[in-house]
Amino acid sequence: MKSEKITKNAETRSRRHYEDACAAAHALDLVGERWALLVMRELMLGPKRFSDLRESLPGISANVLTQRLEGLEAVGILTRRKLPQPASVQVYELTEWGYESEPIFQALGRWAARSPLHDPTLPFSAASFLLSLRTMLDAKRAEGLEARIGFRLSDTETFLAHLADGRIEIARGPVDDADLIFTGTPPIMAGAIYGGRPLDALESAGALKVEGDRTLADRFLRLFPLPPKASHPA
């Protein structure tokens, strides 16, 4: 029995670890399991409940999500806590070190956006959309622009973005006092910003609502140019 346990532990270590001193290899030891990075992405804008994570990651099973949360917690990337009364529910959130991983997502996003095989019609969560704004913002195009942009992305998810000094900060919160408010799903917003879908057409179809400064809205949509596609070998 002891021999069997040792063998199983050795197999697990061999399967999950690269046995390589390179820090990049160790990073893959930490977050290389399928879904791990996407769980981290969904927590990048703040804590979420288990049910919220499942909803934003429709392809993951409850069992796999539990495993990834436990694994990321074990290595110090995320933690869990109970919200105070009256909510009194358990949420998962990134640690300070976990939040430091955002530049990794930005670099991966910019790099993968050049892929000729990228399919923008696949599911797109609120976290995906908002992190893409922080990734793709062109500082030169945003120069001199200061504004508060609100996003109502669902009945329960509202976010406020603050544009200033060629940067964009985004957090959950009320949007009533924003200079401009977009109401629409993440895929629709992505279609307007990255796909060039006209605002008028989206509004006429009832897919998007724009409140506030219309000139600002038109300029905002042009702040996030995508990089050119890489050539694809024939």
Protein backbone atom coordinates (compact mmCIF):
# COMPACT_ATOMS: atom_id res chain seq x y z
CA MET A 1 0.00 0.00 0.00
CA LYS A 2 2.82 2.38 0.89
CA SER A 3 4.58 1.60 -2.37
CA GLU A 4 1.37 2.31 -4.31
CA LYS A 5 0.97 5.68 -2.57
CA ILE A 6 4.56 6.67 -3.37
CA THR A 7 4.04 5.68 -7.00
CA LYS A 8 0.84 7.74 -7.24
CA ASN A 9 2.55 10.79 -5.72
CA ALA A 10 5.42 10.45 -8.17
CA GLU A 11 3.02 10.19 -11.12
CA THR A 12 1.10 13.25 -9.94
CA ARG A 13 4.28 15.29 -9.55
CA SER A 14 5.55 14.18 -12.96
CA ARG A 15 2.24 15.11 -14.61
CA ARG A 16 1.86 18.52 -12.98
CA HIS A 17 5.43 19.78 -12.70
CA TYR A 18 8.12 20.38 -15.27
CA GLU A 19 11.05 19.75 -12.90
CA ASP A 20 12.74 22.80 -14.45
CA ALA A 21 14.36 25.66 -12.53
CA CYS A 22 13.31 28.25 -15.15
CA ALA A 23 10.87 30.73 -13.61
CA ALA A 24 8.65 30.48 -16.70
CA ALA A 25 8.44 26.73 -16.18
CA HIS A 26 7.52 27.31 -12.54
CA ALA A 27 4.81 29.74 -13.65
CA LEU A 28 3.32 26.91 -15.71
CA ASP A 29 3.58 24.65 -12.66
CA LEU A 30 1.43 27.24 -10.84
CA VAL A 31 -1.16 28.16 -13.47
CA GLY A 32 -0.68 25.73 -16.36
CA GLU A 33 -3.69 23.54 -15.58
CA ARG A 34 -6.62 23.99 -17.97
CA TRP A 35 -8.99 26.78 -16.84
CA ALA A 36 -6.61 28.12 -14.17
CA LEU A 37 -5.74 31.31 -16.05
CA LEU A 38 -9.37 31.94 -16.97
CA VAL A 39 -10.42 31.60 -13.33
CA MET A 40 -7.80 34.22 -12.49
CA ARG A 41 -9.04 36.44 -15.31
CA GLU A 42 -12.58 36.38 -13.93
CA LEU A 43 -11.31 37.52 -10.52
CA MET A 44 -9.14 40.33 -11.87
CA LEU A 45 -11.89 42.93 -11.30
CA GLY A 46 -12.75 41.80 -7.79
CA PRO A 47 -14.12 38.88 -5.77
CA LYS A 48 -16.80 36.53 -7.06
CA ARG A 49 -18.97 33.75 -5.72
CA PHE A 50 -18.61 30.19 -6.99
CA SER A 51 -21.90 30.50 -8.89
CA ASP A 52 -20.74 33.74 -10.54
CA LEU A 53 -17.55 32.05 -11.72
CA ARG A 54 -19.49 29.16 -13.21
CA GLU A 55 -21.81 31.55 -15.02
CA SER A 56 -18.92 33.49 -16.55
CA LEU A 57 -17.10 30.28 -17.56
CA PRO A 58 -19.89 28.28 -19.22
CA GLY A 59 -17.62 25.48 -20.37
CA ILE A 60 -16.29 24.51 -16.94
CA SER A 61 -17.82 21.85 -14.69
CA ALA A 62 -18.41 22.41 -10.98
CA ASN A 63 -15.89 19.69 -10.16
CA VAL A 64 -13.11 21.19 -12.30
CA LEU A 65 -13.83 24.70 -10.99
CA THR A 66 -13.54 23.41 -7.42
CA GLN A 67 -10.20 21.78 -8.25
CA ARG A 68 -8.81 24.93 -9.85
CA LEU A 69 -9.92 27.15 -6.98
CA GLU A 70 -8.35 24.79 -4.47
CA GLY A 71 -5.14 24.59 -6.49
CA LEU A 72 -4.81 28.36 -6.91
CA GLU A 73 -5.54 28.88 -3.23
CA ALA A 74 -2.94 26.29 -2.23
CA VAL A 75 -0.16 28.16 -4.07
CA GLY A 76 -1.19 31.59 -2.76
CA ILE A 77 -2.72 33.10 -5.91
CA LEU A 78 -6.22 33.46 -4.53
CA THR A 79 -8.00 33.32 -1.21
CA ARG A 80 -11.55 32.88 -0.04
CA ARG A 81 -13.50 34.75 2.59
CA LYS A 82 -17.02 35.29 3.80
CA LEU A 83 -18.74 38.58 3.10
CA PRO A 84 -20.14 40.35 6.18
CA GLN A 85 -23.84 40.37 7.02
CA PRO A 86 -26.34 40.62 5.49
CA ALA A 87 -24.70 38.94 2.46
CA SER A 88 -22.86 36.24 4.45
CA VAL A 89 -21.72 34.34 1.34
CA GLN A 90 -18.32 32.94 0.47
CA VAL A 91 -16.35 34.64 -2.28
CA TYR A 92 -13.03 34.02 -3.98
CA GLU A 93 -10.57 36.80 -4.67
CA LEU A 94 -7.02 37.19 -5.87
CA THR A 95 -4.25 37.88 -3.40
CA GLU A 96 -2.00 40.91 -3.89
CA TRP A 97 0.43 38.61 -5.70
CA GLY A 98 -2.42 37.24 -7.78
CA TYR A 99 -3.38 40.72 -8.98
CA GLU A 100 0.22 41.24 -10.09
CA SER A 101 -0.44 38.77 -12.91
CA GLU A 102 -2.52 41.24 -14.97
CA PRO A 103 0.42 42.22 -17.25
CA ILE A 104 0.65 38.53 -18.20
CA PHE A 105 -2.94 38.62 -19.43
CA GLN A 106 -2.29 41.85 -21.30
CA ALA A 107 0.79 40.46 -23.04
CA LEU A 108 -1.02 37.25 -23.95
CA GLY A 109 -4.04 39.20 -25.17
CA ARG A 110 -2.03 41.51 -27.42
CA TRP A 111 -0.05 38.59 -28.79
CA ALA A 112 -3.05 36.31 -29.39
CA ALA A 113 -5.10 39.10 -30.97
CA ARG A 114 -2.72 38.83 -33.93
CA SER A 115 -3.67 35.19 -34.51
CA PRO A 116 -5.48 34.61 -37.82
CA LEU A 117 -7.33 31.77 -36.07
CA HIS A 118 -8.86 33.90 -33.30
CA ASP A 119 -12.66 33.57 -33.28
CA PRO A 120 -14.27 36.73 -31.82
CA THR A 121 -17.76 35.18 -31.98
CA LEU A 122 -17.11 32.82 -29.05
CA PRO A 123 -18.51 33.63 -25.55
CA PHE A 124 -17.09 36.82 -24.05
CA SER A 125 -17.45 37.57 -20.34
CA ALA A 126 -17.60 40.97 -18.68
CA ALA A 127 -14.11 40.46 -17.25
CA SER A 128 -12.80 39.52 -20.70
CA PHE A 129 -14.25 42.66 -22.25
CA LEU A 130 -13.13 45.09 -19.55
CA LEU A 131 -9.62 43.65 -19.32
CA SER A 132 -9.37 43.94 -23.09
CA LEU A 133 -9.96 47.69 -22.73
CA ARG A 134 -7.08 47.98 -20.29
CA THR A 135 -4.97 45.92 -22.69
CA MET A 136 -5.77 47.56 -26.03
CA LEU A 137 -6.06 51.24 -25.03
CA ASP A 138 -3.88 53.38 -27.30
CA ALA A 139 -2.34 55.99 -24.98
CA LYS A 140 -1.65 58.41 -27.83
CA ARG A 141 -5.25 58.35 -29.03
CA ALA A 142 -6.44 58.88 -25.45
CA GLU A 143 -4.02 61.74 -24.79
CA GLY A 144 -5.72 64.75 -23.24
CA LEU A 145 -8.99 62.90 -22.69
CA GLU A 146 -10.46 62.70 -19.20
CA ALA A 147 -13.87 61.10 -18.79
CA ARG A 148 -15.94 58.66 -16.76
CA ILE A 149 -17.48 55.86 -18.78
CA GLY A 150 -20.17 53.63 -17.32
CA PHE A 151 -20.97 50.11 -18.47
CA ARG A 152 -24.18 48.26 -17.67
CA LEU A 153 -23.25 44.81 -18.95
CA SER A 154 -26.09 42.87 -17.32
CA ASP A 155 -28.86 43.34 -14.79
CA THR A 156 -26.36 42.88 -11.96
CA GLU A 157 -23.00 43.98 -13.37
CA THR A 158 -22.16 47.69 -13.62
CA PHE A 159 -18.65 49.10 -13.96
CA LEU A 160 -17.20 52.60 -14.00
CA ALA A 161 -14.13 53.39 -16.07
CA HIS A 162 -12.02 56.50 -15.55
CA LEU A 163 -9.98 57.70 -18.51
CA ALA A 164 -7.10 60.04 -17.66
CA ASP A 165 -3.44 60.54 -18.56
CA GLY A 166 -3.63 57.97 -21.35
CA ARG A 167 -4.73 55.24 -18.96
CA ILE A 168 -8.02 53.59 -18.09
CA GLU A 169 -8.96 52.37 -14.61
CA ILE A 170 -12.06 50.19 -14.24
CA ALA A 171 -13.92 49.04 -11.13
CA ARG A 172 -17.30 47.70 -10.16
CA GLY A 173 -19.70 50.36 -9.00
CA PRO A 174 -22.62 52.69 -9.79
CA VAL A 175 -22.55 54.51 -13.12
CA ASP A 176 -25.28 57.13 -12.71
CA ASP A 177 -22.84 60.07 -12.60
CA ALA A 178 -20.76 58.96 -15.60
CA ASP A 179 -20.25 61.27 -18.59
CA LEU A 180 -21.25 58.42 -20.88
CA ILE A 181 -23.07 55.14 -20.22
CA PHE A 182 -23.22 52.08 -22.44
CA THR A 183 -25.87 49.44 -21.76
CA GLY A 184 -25.32 46.19 -23.62
CA THR A 185 -23.78 42.75 -23.33
CA PRO A 186 -20.00 42.24 -23.56
CA PRO A 187 -20.19 40.68 -27.06
CA ILE A 188 -22.21 43.66 -28.34
CA MET A 189 -19.79 46.14 -26.81
CA ALA A 190 -16.86 44.24 -28.29
CA GLY A 191 -18.58 44.31 -31.68
CA ALA A 192 -18.88 48.09 -31.48
CA ILE A 193 -15.30 48.68 -30.35
CA TYR A 194 -13.33 45.98 -32.14
CA GLY A 195 -15.69 44.95 -34.91
CA GLY A 196 -16.62 48.40 -36.14
CA ARG A 197 -20.37 47.84 -35.80
CA PRO A 198 -22.06 51.29 -36.01
CA LEU A 199 -23.68 52.59 -32.85
CA ASP A 200 -26.79 53.71 -34.73
CA ALA A 201 -27.36 50.22 -36.10
CA LEU A 202 -26.89 48.58 -32.71
CA GLU A 203 -29.25 51.07 -31.07
CA SER A 204 -31.88 50.64 -33.80
CA ALA A 205 -31.73 46.88 -33.26
CA GLY A 206 -32.23 47.35 -29.51
CA ALA A 207 -28.90 45.68 -28.76
CA LEU A 208 -27.19 48.71 -27.27
CA LYS A 209 -28.19 51.88 -25.42
CA VAL A 210 -25.99 54.97 -25.30
CA GLU A 211 -26.63 57.73 -22.75
CA GLY A 212 -24.66 60.94 -22.40
CA ASP A 213 -22.05 62.63 -24.56
CA ARG A 214 -22.42 61.26 -28.09
CA THR A 215 -19.22 62.86 -29.33
CA LEU A 216 -17.35 61.21 -26.47
CA ALA A 217 -18.96 57.87 -27.39
CA ASP A 218 -17.71 58.08 -30.98
CA ARG A 219 -14.20 58.99 -29.82
CA PHE A 220 -14.16 56.29 -27.14
CA LEU A 221 -14.83 53.54 -29.66
CA ARG A 222 -11.69 54.54 -31.60
CA LEU A 223 -9.30 54.29 -28.64
CA PHE A 224 -8.72 50.54 -28.88
CA PRO A 225 -7.14 49.58 -32.24
CA LEU A 226 -6.33 45.91 -32.71
CA PRO A 227 -2.82 44.90 -33.83
CA PRO A 228 -2.38 43.60 -37.39
CA LYS A 229 -2.89 39.90 -37.95
CA ALA A 230 0.17 37.68 -38.25
CA SER A 231 0.73 35.95 -41.55
CA HIS A 232 -0.57 32.40 -41.73
CA PRO A 233 1.53 29.78 -43.54
CA ALA A 234 -0.29 28.37 -46.53
